[in-house]
Amino acid sequence: MHKVDIDLVEMTLDVMKYAINRITKTTPELGKPKKEEELKRLVGETITPDGIGGEKAFQLFKDVLIKATVPIDHPRHLAFVPASPTRASVMFDLVTSASNIHGAYWMEGAGGIFCENEAMKWLVSLTGLPEKAFGVFTSGGTAANLSAMVTAREYWRKNKEGSSGKGLVITSSGAHSSIKAMAKVIDVDVVLIETEDRMTGNHLQQKIDFLNQDQRKRLFAVIATGGTTNAGIIDDLDGIGEICQKQKLWFHVDAAYGGGALAADSVRHLFKGIEQADSITIDPHKWLFSPYDCGAVIYRNPQLAKEAHSQEGSYLDIFNDEDAEGFNPSDYQIQLTRRVRGLPLWFSLAMYGTDKYKWAIERGIELANLAADIIGEYPNLELVRPPSLSCILYRRKGWGPEDYKKWTYKNLSEGFALVTPTKYTVNGIYETVARFCFINPDTTLEDITAILDTMK
């Protein structure tokens, strides 16, 4: 055996040992970010003409670089929308990478795409969409929202008279930031309904009635939210869906964060109306316990997505040959080259079963409600609004923005917790408040109490 092969075997064993240790650890160390200059001083030059060797590079990663990151699945990581991939999904992510499957076309990736589609069938079943509905896995919610809106825009352009100009969509001010980013990419205008609370059918109708003739002519889609990132609020999907049907508008539901809760019996009723959607975004790497990066877009009529996204090229003709039967994920979203990012979700679902997923999602909801009760026991703390899904907003009496900022960085620098502030309207005033988002079922009541104690 050549020396390079021996080195590679030894390196593989080291990597597997690290991976096994990381997968089995229930409380990973909460790292802390370092400035680029400090990291450069600690690791030196790593990309050189002769290379520094795998052993040294991996040692630098383990001793320095990984410690400058914050593990998203730490039980006291309650900021943004954290993630808590199952051990099975992380393990199978290694298999996915090692298998190196090109997941764009059935001809190349049939086995992997089949597994993705099995997981997708379960996702679609949660939405209540009709039998012909289907979707694909994307890199995340931004790519899913973008893919859905490209489909909506192309459908509008082909089917509405005088629709060749710049399109317009309506959403709420509480919608995810990716909606505005998506609108820039596809060059459409966004009209906001100014509410951080629940966007209702009445809100939408009033906004449509307020549009001028040109705006109404350009309006082609409404984007509702199935669990806002900031507060977990679910829009009036039923009322909004009815209006979209009457007005012949594309109805998209961004449930990137909240979509996982479709599996939870305790809150499924809050999503009534999602079955009217033309497209839905759900991120399995958020509340369905998959590793990054794994989003999903689901279409009521997948053929419309295929008409919008299928790419043409002489070198691609073979994939569309009548003998090359099978589902081609590249036809339904913006990416051509793609990994089979739904494979870890498939393996995890197959290993644990959907009932285990329901339990883990319900646990996040339960933790939010328990945290609300605990907050009520602190005289210097108060809820900003009742918990929604697994999000809770609360405030420390007497604190301003700088106090929350210092508190966040102190907890992070001590390697204790990552909880970040946000802004929300409190009694008519846009105020800085604290926020918990519970995803990880390993988070304990002791974790919550310990964090709240740091606000005394």
Protein backbone atom coordinates (compact mmCIF):
# COMPACT_ATOMS: atom_id res chain seq x y z
CA MET A 1 0.00 0.00 0.00
CA HIS A 2 1.32 3.46 -0.91
CA LYS A 3 2.14 5.78 1.99
CA VAL A 4 -0.51 8.21 0.86
CA ASP A 5 -3.10 5.40 1.10
CA ILE A 6 -1.98 4.48 4.61
CA ASP A 7 -2.19 8.12 5.65
CA LEU A 8 -5.67 8.35 4.17
CA VAL A 9 -6.85 5.28 6.10
CA GLU A 10 -5.45 6.67 9.36
CA MET A 11 -7.04 10.06 8.63
CA THR A 12 -10.38 8.38 7.92
CA LEU A 13 -10.24 6.61 11.29
CA ASP A 14 -9.46 9.91 13.05
CA VAL A 15 -12.36 11.62 11.31
CA MET A 16 -14.74 8.78 12.19
CA LYS A 17 -13.65 8.88 15.83
CA TYR A 18 -14.35 12.60 15.92
CA ALA A 19 -17.73 12.13 14.22
CA ILE A 20 -18.75 9.35 16.62
CA ASN A 21 -17.78 11.48 19.62
CA ARG A 22 -19.71 14.47 18.27
CA ILE A 23 -22.81 12.43 17.42
CA THR A 24 -22.97 10.74 20.83
CA LYS A 25 -22.31 13.89 22.88
CA THR A 26 -25.52 15.28 24.37
CA THR A 27 -23.95 18.53 25.62
CA PRO A 28 -21.37 19.79 23.13
CA GLU A 29 -19.14 22.64 24.23
CA LEU A 30 -20.66 26.02 23.46
CA GLY A 31 -17.87 27.64 21.44
CA LYS A 32 -17.35 31.36 21.04
CA PRO A 33 -16.55 33.26 17.86
CA LYS A 34 -13.11 34.83 17.46
CA LYS A 35 -11.98 37.66 15.23
CA GLU A 36 -10.41 36.72 11.91
CA GLU A 37 -7.06 38.17 12.95
CA GLU A 38 -6.95 35.97 16.05
CA LEU A 39 -7.86 32.84 14.14
CA LYS A 40 -5.17 33.61 11.56
CA ARG A 41 -2.61 34.00 14.35
CA LEU A 42 -3.64 30.69 15.92
CA VAL A 43 -3.72 28.53 12.78
CA GLY A 44 -1.27 30.29 10.46
CA GLU A 45 -1.21 29.54 6.74
CA THR A 46 -3.21 26.43 5.88
CA ILE A 47 -3.37 26.65 2.08
CA THR A 48 0.20 26.26 0.82
CA PRO A 49 1.89 24.87 -2.32
CA ASP A 50 2.91 21.63 -0.58
CA GLY A 51 0.03 21.36 1.86
CA ILE A 52 0.32 21.11 5.65
CA GLY A 53 -0.88 17.51 5.85
CA GLY A 54 -4.22 16.09 6.90
CA GLU A 55 -3.14 15.35 10.47
CA LYS A 56 -2.10 18.93 11.17
CA ALA A 57 -5.09 20.42 9.39
CA PHE A 58 -7.51 18.22 11.32
CA GLN A 59 -5.75 18.98 14.58
CA LEU A 60 -6.14 22.72 13.94
CA PHE A 61 -9.82 22.17 13.24
CA LYS A 62 -10.36 20.22 16.47
CA ASP A 63 -8.20 22.39 18.73
CA VAL A 64 -8.98 25.86 17.40
CA LEU A 65 -11.51 26.25 14.62
CA ILE A 66 -14.43 24.18 15.92
CA LYS A 67 -14.12 25.98 19.26
CA ALA A 68 -14.75 29.24 17.44
CA THR A 69 -18.21 28.05 16.39
CA VAL A 70 -21.46 27.79 18.31
CA PRO A 71 -23.06 24.34 17.94
CA ILE A 72 -26.59 24.89 16.74
CA ASP A 73 -27.84 21.85 18.66
CA HIS A 74 -26.58 22.90 22.09
CA PRO A 75 -29.51 22.62 24.56
CA ARG A 76 -28.93 26.23 25.70
CA HIS A 77 -28.82 27.57 22.13
CA LEU A 78 -32.24 29.21 22.06
CA ALA A 79 -31.54 32.05 19.61
CA PHE A 80 -32.83 32.59 16.06
CA VAL A 81 -34.32 29.24 14.95
CA PRO A 82 -31.86 26.65 16.24
CA ALA A 83 -31.67 23.07 15.03
CA SER A 84 -31.32 19.70 16.65
CA PRO A 85 -30.59 17.04 14.05
CA THR A 86 -31.15 13.49 15.22
CA ARG A 87 -28.09 11.34 15.67
CA ALA A 88 -29.38 9.10 12.90
CA SER A 89 -29.66 12.01 10.45
CA VAL A 90 -26.17 13.29 11.26
CA MET A 91 -24.76 9.80 10.85
CA PHE A 92 -26.49 9.37 7.51
CA ASP A 93 -25.30 12.79 6.36
CA LEU A 94 -21.83 11.21 6.44
CA VAL A 95 -23.15 8.39 4.25
CA THR A 96 -24.79 10.91 1.91
CA SER A 97 -21.52 12.77 1.43
CA ALA A 98 -19.48 9.60 1.04
CA SER A 99 -21.94 8.23 -1.54
CA ASN A 100 -21.52 11.39 -3.67
CA ILE A 101 -24.87 11.06 -5.42
CA HIS A 102 -25.85 13.70 -7.97
CA GLY A 103 -29.47 14.32 -7.06
CA ALA A 104 -30.64 16.35 -10.05
CA TYR A 105 -31.79 13.57 -12.37
CA TRP A 106 -33.27 10.11 -11.88
CA MET A 107 -30.86 8.60 -14.40
CA GLU A 108 -27.92 9.31 -12.09
CA GLY A 109 -29.49 9.33 -8.64
CA ALA A 110 -32.54 7.05 -8.76
CA GLY A 111 -31.91 5.26 -5.44
CA GLY A 112 -31.20 8.45 -3.50
CA ILE A 113 -34.05 10.38 -5.10
CA PHE A 114 -36.41 7.50 -4.32
CA CYS A 115 -35.53 7.85 -0.62
CA GLU A 116 -36.02 11.62 -0.76
CA ASN A 117 -39.41 11.12 -2.35
CA GLU A 118 -40.50 8.73 0.40
CA ALA A 119 -39.73 11.42 2.98
CA MET A 120 -41.43 14.02 0.78
CA LYS A 121 -44.63 11.95 0.68
CA TRP A 122 -44.82 12.18 4.47
CA LEU A 123 -44.24 15.94 4.39
CA VAL A 124 -46.98 16.42 1.79
CA SER A 125 -49.36 14.25 3.83
CA LEU A 126 -49.01 16.69 6.75
CA THR A 127 -50.26 19.62 4.66
CA GLY A 128 -53.61 18.19 3.58
CA LEU A 129 -52.91 19.11 -0.05
CA PRO A 130 -54.52 16.90 -2.73
CA GLU A 131 -52.95 13.63 -3.83
CA LYS A 132 -51.19 15.04 -6.91
CA ALA A 133 -49.27 17.59 -4.79
CA PHE A 134 -45.54 17.03 -4.44
CA GLY A 135 -42.27 18.80 -3.84
CA VAL A 136 -38.48 18.74 -3.72
CA PHE A 137 -35.77 19.37 -1.17
CA THR A 138 -33.84 22.63 -1.46
CA SER A 139 -30.94 24.26 0.37
CA GLY A 140 -33.31 26.08 2.72
CA GLY A 141 -36.30 28.37 3.03
CA THR A 142 -34.84 31.14 0.90
CA ALA A 143 -34.32 28.82 -2.06
CA ALA A 144 -37.74 27.25 -1.48
CA ASN A 145 -39.53 30.62 -1.37
CA LEU A 146 -37.63 31.77 -4.44
CA SER A 147 -38.51 28.60 -6.36
CA ALA A 148 -42.18 28.94 -5.44
CA MET A 149 -42.36 32.58 -6.45
CA VAL A 150 -40.60 31.98 -9.78
CA THR A 151 -43.27 29.35 -10.45
CA ALA A 152 -46.05 31.75 -9.41
CA ARG A 153 -44.68 34.59 -11.53
CA GLU A 154 -44.29 32.43 -14.64
CA TYR A 155 -47.80 31.05 -14.23
CA TRP A 156 -49.12 34.62 -13.92
CA ARG A 157 -47.24 35.78 -17.00
CA LYS A 158 -48.62 32.94 -19.10
CA ASN A 159 -52.22 33.12 -17.93
CA LYS A 160 -53.07 36.74 -17.15
CA GLU A 161 -53.66 39.30 -19.88
CA GLY A 162 -51.23 42.22 -19.70
CA SER A 163 -49.01 40.47 -17.16
CA SER A 164 -45.67 40.96 -18.88
CA GLY A 165 -44.63 43.82 -16.61
CA LYS A 166 -43.22 43.90 -13.10
CA GLY A 167 -45.21 41.75 -10.72
CA LEU A 168 -46.34 42.53 -7.19
CA VAL A 169 -46.86 40.37 -4.09
CA ILE A 170 -48.50 41.05 -0.74
CA THR A 171 -47.16 39.81 2.58
CA SER A 172 -46.97 41.03 6.19
CA SER A 173 -44.24 42.99 7.92
CA GLY A 174 -43.76 39.92 10.14
CA ALA A 175 -42.77 37.76 7.18
CA HIS A 176 -39.25 36.34 6.94
CA SER A 177 -36.47 38.51 5.53
CA SER A 178 -36.02 36.07 2.64
CA ILE A 179 -39.29 37.29 1.12
CA LYS A 180 -37.83 40.73 0.40
CA ALA A 181 -34.57 39.15 -0.76
CA MET A 182 -36.51 36.85 -3.09
CA ALA A 183 -38.46 39.79 -4.49
CA LYS A 184 -35.22 41.57 -5.43
CA VAL A 185 -33.96 38.52 -7.27
CA ILE A 186 -37.09 38.05 -9.39
CA ASP A 187 -37.68 41.82 -9.66
CA VAL A 188 -41.14 42.13 -8.15
CA ASP A 189 -42.56 44.75 -5.81
CA VAL A 190 -43.63 43.87 -2.27
CA VAL A 191 -46.60 45.52 -0.55
CA LEU A 192 -46.55 45.03 3.21
CA ILE A 193 -49.49 44.64 5.55
CA GLU A 194 -48.10 46.36 8.64
CA THR A 195 -48.66 43.86 11.39
CA GLU A 196 -46.29 41.75 13.43
CA ASP A 197 -49.29 39.91 14.76
CA ARG A 198 -51.55 37.56 12.82
CA MET A 199 -52.24 38.66 9.26
CA THR A 200 -55.94 38.03 8.64
CA GLY A 201 -58.20 37.72 5.67
CA ASN A 202 -59.66 41.14 6.56
CA HIS A 203 -56.18 42.66 6.52
CA LEU A 204 -55.58 41.22 3.07
CA GLN A 205 -58.91 42.34 1.63
CA GLN A 206 -58.43 45.88 2.92
CA LYS A 207 -54.95 46.02 1.41
CA ILE A 208 -56.19 44.74 -1.97
CA ASP A 209 -59.02 47.30 -1.95
CA PHE A 210 -56.46 50.02 -1.24
CA LEU A 211 -54.29 49.18 -4.27
CA ASN A 212 -54.49 51.47 -7.28
CA GLN A 213 -55.46 50.12 -10.69
CA ASP A 214 -51.87 49.54 -11.81
CA GLN A 215 -50.92 47.74 -8.61
CA ARG A 216 -53.99 45.52 -8.72
CA LYS A 217 -53.16 44.58 -12.30
CA ARG A 218 -49.64 43.57 -11.24
CA LEU A 219 -50.65 41.64 -8.11
CA PHE A 220 -50.12 37.91 -8.64
CA ALA A 221 -49.37 36.33 -5.24
CA VAL A 222 -49.95 36.53 -1.50
CA ILE A 223 -47.37 35.14 0.94
CA ALA A 224 -48.67 34.11 4.35
CA THR A 225 -46.56 32.79 7.20
CA GLY A 226 -47.05 29.51 9.03
CA GLY A 227 -45.07 30.41 12.13
CA THR A 228 -43.18 33.71 12.06
CA THR A 229 -39.51 33.50 12.92
CA ASN A 230 -39.77 36.26 15.49
CA ALA A 231 -42.73 35.05 17.53
CA GLY A 232 -44.11 31.81 16.04
CA ILE A 233 -47.33 33.48 14.86
CA ILE A 234 -49.49 31.66 12.31
CA ASP A 235 -51.44 33.84 9.91
CA ASP A 236 -55.14 33.38 9.18
CA LEU A 237 -54.42 30.81 6.48
CA ASP A 238 -58.07 29.90 6.02
CA GLY A 239 -59.27 33.45 5.47
CA ILE A 240 -56.31 34.40 3.29
CA GLY A 241 -56.69 31.25 1.21
CA GLU A 242 -60.37 31.95 0.52
CA ILE A 243 -59.58 35.45 -0.72
CA CYS A 244 -56.78 34.19 -2.93
CA GLN A 245 -59.14 31.66 -4.51
CA LYS A 246 -61.77 34.32 -5.20
CA GLN A 247 -59.23 36.82 -6.53
CA LYS A 248 -57.33 34.14 -8.51
CA LEU A 249 -54.06 34.91 -6.71
CA TRP A 250 -51.25 32.45 -6.03
CA PHE A 251 -51.33 31.53 -2.34
CA HIS A 252 -47.91 30.69 -0.86
CA VAL A 253 -47.36 29.71 2.78
CA ASP A 254 -43.89 30.19 4.20
CA ALA A 255 -43.83 27.60 6.97
CA ALA A 256 -40.06 27.21 6.95
CA TYR A 257 -39.90 27.25 10.75
CA GLY A 258 -43.44 26.39 11.80
CA GLY A 259 -44.12 23.68 9.23
CA GLY A 260 -42.72 20.99 11.48
CA ALA A 261 -45.62 21.65 13.85
CA LEU A 262 -48.01 20.26 11.24
CA ALA A 263 -47.07 16.90 12.77
CA ALA A 264 -48.12 18.01 16.27
CA ASP A 265 -51.73 17.17 17.12
CA SER A 266 -51.89 19.91 19.77
CA VAL A 267 -51.47 22.76 17.24
CA ARG A 268 -52.39 21.27 13.86
CA HIS A 269 -55.73 23.08 13.94
CA LEU A 270 -53.92 26.43 13.91
CA PHE A 271 -52.83 25.70 10.33
CA LYS A 272 -56.39 25.33 9.03
CA GLY A 273 -56.41 26.64 5.48
CA ILE A 274 -52.89 25.55 4.54
CA GLU A 275 -54.52 22.89 2.37
CA GLN A 276 -55.67 25.74 0.07
CA ALA A 277 -52.08 26.80 -0.68
CA ASP A 278 -50.56 26.66 -4.16
CA SER A 279 -47.10 26.23 -2.64
CA ILE A 280 -45.61 25.69 0.82
CA THR A 281 -42.12 26.06 2.24
CA ILE A 282 -40.95 23.80 5.09
CA ASP A 283 -37.38 23.53 6.40
CA PRO A 284 -36.56 20.06 7.78
CA HIS A 285 -33.27 21.47 9.10
CA LYS A 286 -35.29 23.59 11.50
CA TRP A 287 -38.03 21.67 13.32
CA LEU A 288 -37.78 18.29 11.62
CA PHE A 289 -34.38 17.47 13.06
CA SER A 290 -32.29 17.28 9.88
CA PRO A 291 -28.74 18.58 9.49
CA TYR A 292 -28.02 21.66 7.44
CA ASP A 293 -28.84 22.27 4.69
CA CYS A 294 -32.31 20.93 4.02
CA GLY A 295 -35.35 22.93 3.02
CA ALA A 296 -38.37 21.86 1.00
CA VAL A 297 -40.89 23.40 -1.39
CA ILE A 298 -44.22 21.69 -2.03
CA TYR A 299 -46.56 22.47 -4.94
CA ARG A 300 -50.28 21.85 -5.31
CA ASN A 301 -49.64 21.39 -9.04
CA PRO A 302 -46.02 20.30 -9.60
CA GLN A 303 -46.44 20.55 -13.37
CA LEU A 304 -46.51 24.35 -13.09
CA ALA A 305 -43.15 24.25 -11.32
CA LYS A 306 -41.76 21.98 -14.01
CA GLU A 307 -42.84 24.40 -16.70
CA ALA A 308 -41.10 27.23 -14.85
CA HIS A 309 -37.85 25.52 -13.85
CA SER A 310 -36.94 22.83 -16.40
CA GLN A 311 -33.61 23.65 -17.99
CA GLU A 312 -32.76 23.04 -21.63
CA GLY A 313 -29.42 22.15 -23.19
CA SER A 314 -28.21 19.60 -25.70
CA TYR A 315 -26.19 17.88 -22.97
CA LEU A 316 -29.36 17.58 -20.87
CA ASP A 317 -31.60 16.07 -23.56
CA ILE A 318 -30.82 12.51 -22.51
CA PHE A 319 -32.33 13.14 -19.07
CA ASN A 320 -35.66 13.97 -20.65
CA ASP A 321 -35.60 11.08 -23.11
CA GLU A 322 -38.71 8.92 -23.04
CA ASP A 323 -36.57 5.98 -21.94
CA ALA A 324 -35.16 7.95 -18.99
CA GLU A 325 -38.25 7.64 -16.84
CA GLY A 326 -38.28 8.94 -13.30
CA PHE A 327 -38.58 12.05 -11.13
CA ASN A 328 -36.01 14.78 -11.82
CA PRO A 329 -35.77 17.17 -8.83
CA SER A 330 -33.94 19.81 -10.89
CA ASP A 331 -37.17 20.39 -12.82
CA TYR A 332 -38.98 21.79 -9.79
CA GLN A 333 -36.66 24.34 -8.19
CA ILE A 334 -33.91 26.80 -9.05
CA GLN A 335 -30.91 24.49 -8.70
CA LEU A 336 -29.55 22.12 -11.30
CA THR A 337 -26.62 20.55 -9.45
CA ARG A 338 -27.78 19.32 -6.07
CA ARG A 339 -26.90 16.78 -3.42
CA VAL A 340 -29.61 14.43 -2.14
CA ARG A 341 -30.11 16.54 0.96
CA GLY A 342 -33.35 14.78 1.88
CA LEU A 343 -31.54 11.48 2.48
CA PRO A 344 -30.69 12.13 6.16
CA LEU A 345 -34.35 12.98 6.85
CA TRP A 346 -35.46 9.78 5.13
CA PHE A 347 -33.07 7.64 7.16
CA SER A 348 -34.03 9.32 10.42
CA LEU A 349 -37.76 8.88 9.73
CA ALA A 350 -37.19 5.28 8.74
CA MET A 351 -35.16 4.59 11.87
CA TYR A 352 -37.25 6.34 14.52
CA GLY A 353 -40.73 6.47 12.99
CA THR A 354 -43.08 9.42 12.68
CA ASP A 355 -44.49 9.03 16.20
CA LYS A 356 -41.07 9.86 17.65
CA TYR A 357 -40.99 12.99 15.50
CA LYS A 358 -44.41 14.01 16.80
CA TRP A 359 -43.19 13.59 20.36
CA ALA A 360 -40.06 15.70 19.79
CA ILE A 361 -42.05 18.52 18.16
CA GLU A 362 -44.65 18.48 20.94
CA ARG A 363 -41.77 18.74 23.43
CA GLY A 364 -40.66 22.05 21.89
CA ILE A 365 -44.19 23.42 22.27
CA GLU A 366 -44.36 22.12 25.84
CA LEU A 367 -41.01 23.78 26.72
CA ALA A 368 -42.29 27.15 25.51
CA ASN A 369 -45.38 26.88 27.71
CA LEU A 370 -43.36 25.73 30.71
CA ALA A 371 -40.92 28.61 30.18
CA ALA A 372 -43.86 31.04 30.26
CA ASP A 373 -44.89 29.64 33.64
CA ILE A 374 -41.34 29.93 34.98
CA ILE A 375 -41.00 33.53 33.75
CA GLY A 376 -44.15 34.39 35.71
CA GLU A 377 -42.31 33.44 38.91
CA TYR A 378 -39.65 36.13 38.40
CA PRO A 379 -40.72 39.58 39.67
CA ASN A 380 -38.34 41.37 37.29
CA LEU A 381 -39.52 39.50 34.17
CA GLU A 382 -42.76 39.56 32.22
CA LEU A 383 -44.17 37.99 29.09
CA VAL A 384 -44.55 40.19 26.03
CA ARG A 385 -47.14 37.86 24.50
CA PRO A 386 -48.33 34.31 25.13
CA PRO A 387 -46.14 31.53 23.70
CA SER A 388 -46.80 30.61 20.08
CA LEU A 389 -45.56 27.29 18.73
CA SER A 390 -42.12 26.99 20.35
CA CYS A 391 -41.35 30.74 20.53
CA ILE A 392 -41.69 32.97 23.55
CA LEU A 393 -41.01 36.70 23.92
CA TYR A 394 -40.39 38.24 27.32
CA ARG A 395 -38.82 41.35 28.78
CA ARG A 396 -36.58 42.28 31.69
CA LYS A 397 -38.15 45.24 33.44
CA GLY A 398 -35.93 48.30 33.36
CA TRP A 399 -33.60 47.03 30.62
CA GLY A 400 -32.80 48.83 27.41
CA PRO A 401 -31.19 47.60 24.17
CA GLU A 402 -27.65 47.87 25.53
CA ASP A 403 -28.49 45.76 28.58
CA TYR A 404 -29.79 42.92 26.41
CA LYS A 405 -26.74 43.16 24.16
CA LYS A 406 -24.30 42.96 27.07
CA TRP A 407 -26.25 40.07 28.57
CA THR A 408 -26.11 38.13 25.29
CA TYR A 409 -22.37 38.55 24.86
CA LYS A 410 -21.61 37.80 28.50
CA ASN A 411 -23.41 34.45 28.36
CA LEU A 412 -21.75 33.62 25.05
CA SER A 413 -18.23 34.63 26.14
CA GLU A 414 -18.60 32.42 29.23
CA GLY A 415 -19.59 29.48 27.05
CA PHE A 416 -22.90 29.23 28.89
CA ALA A 417 -25.74 30.00 26.47
CA LEU A 418 -26.71 31.77 23.26
CA VAL A 419 -29.93 33.74 23.67
CA THR A 420 -30.28 36.88 21.58
CA PRO A 421 -32.71 39.82 21.80
CA THR A 422 -35.19 40.86 19.16
CA LYS A 423 -37.60 43.74 18.69
CA TYR A 424 -41.35 43.65 19.08
CA THR A 425 -44.16 46.13 19.57
CA VAL A 426 -45.03 46.29 23.28
CA ASN A 427 -47.96 48.51 24.26
CA GLY A 428 -47.59 50.39 20.96
CA ILE A 429 -43.83 50.88 21.37
CA TYR A 430 -41.21 49.07 19.26
CA GLU A 431 -39.08 47.64 22.03
CA THR A 432 -36.04 45.39 22.47
CA VAL A 433 -37.06 42.18 24.23
CA ALA A 434 -35.64 38.71 24.92
CA ARG A 435 -36.66 35.63 22.96
CA PHE A 436 -36.51 31.86 23.36
CA CYS A 437 -37.04 29.42 20.50
CA PHE A 438 -37.23 25.78 21.57
CA ILE A 439 -36.32 23.08 19.07
CA ASN A 440 -34.04 20.74 21.00
CA PRO A 441 -35.94 18.18 23.12
CA ASP A 442 -32.78 17.80 25.23
CA THR A 443 -33.28 21.32 26.64
CA THR A 444 -34.32 21.03 30.30
CA LEU A 445 -36.26 23.18 32.75
CA GLU A 446 -32.97 23.57 34.63
CA ASP A 447 -31.45 25.08 31.46
CA ILE A 448 -34.29 27.58 31.23
CA THR A 449 -34.08 28.56 34.90
CA ALA A 450 -30.31 28.92 34.73
CA ILE A 451 -30.60 31.31 31.78
CA LEU A 452 -33.32 33.38 33.43
CA ASP A 453 -31.22 33.60 36.61
CA THR A 454 -28.59 35.53 34.61
CA MET A 455 -31.12 38.35 34.16
CA LYS A 456 -31.52 39.09 37.88
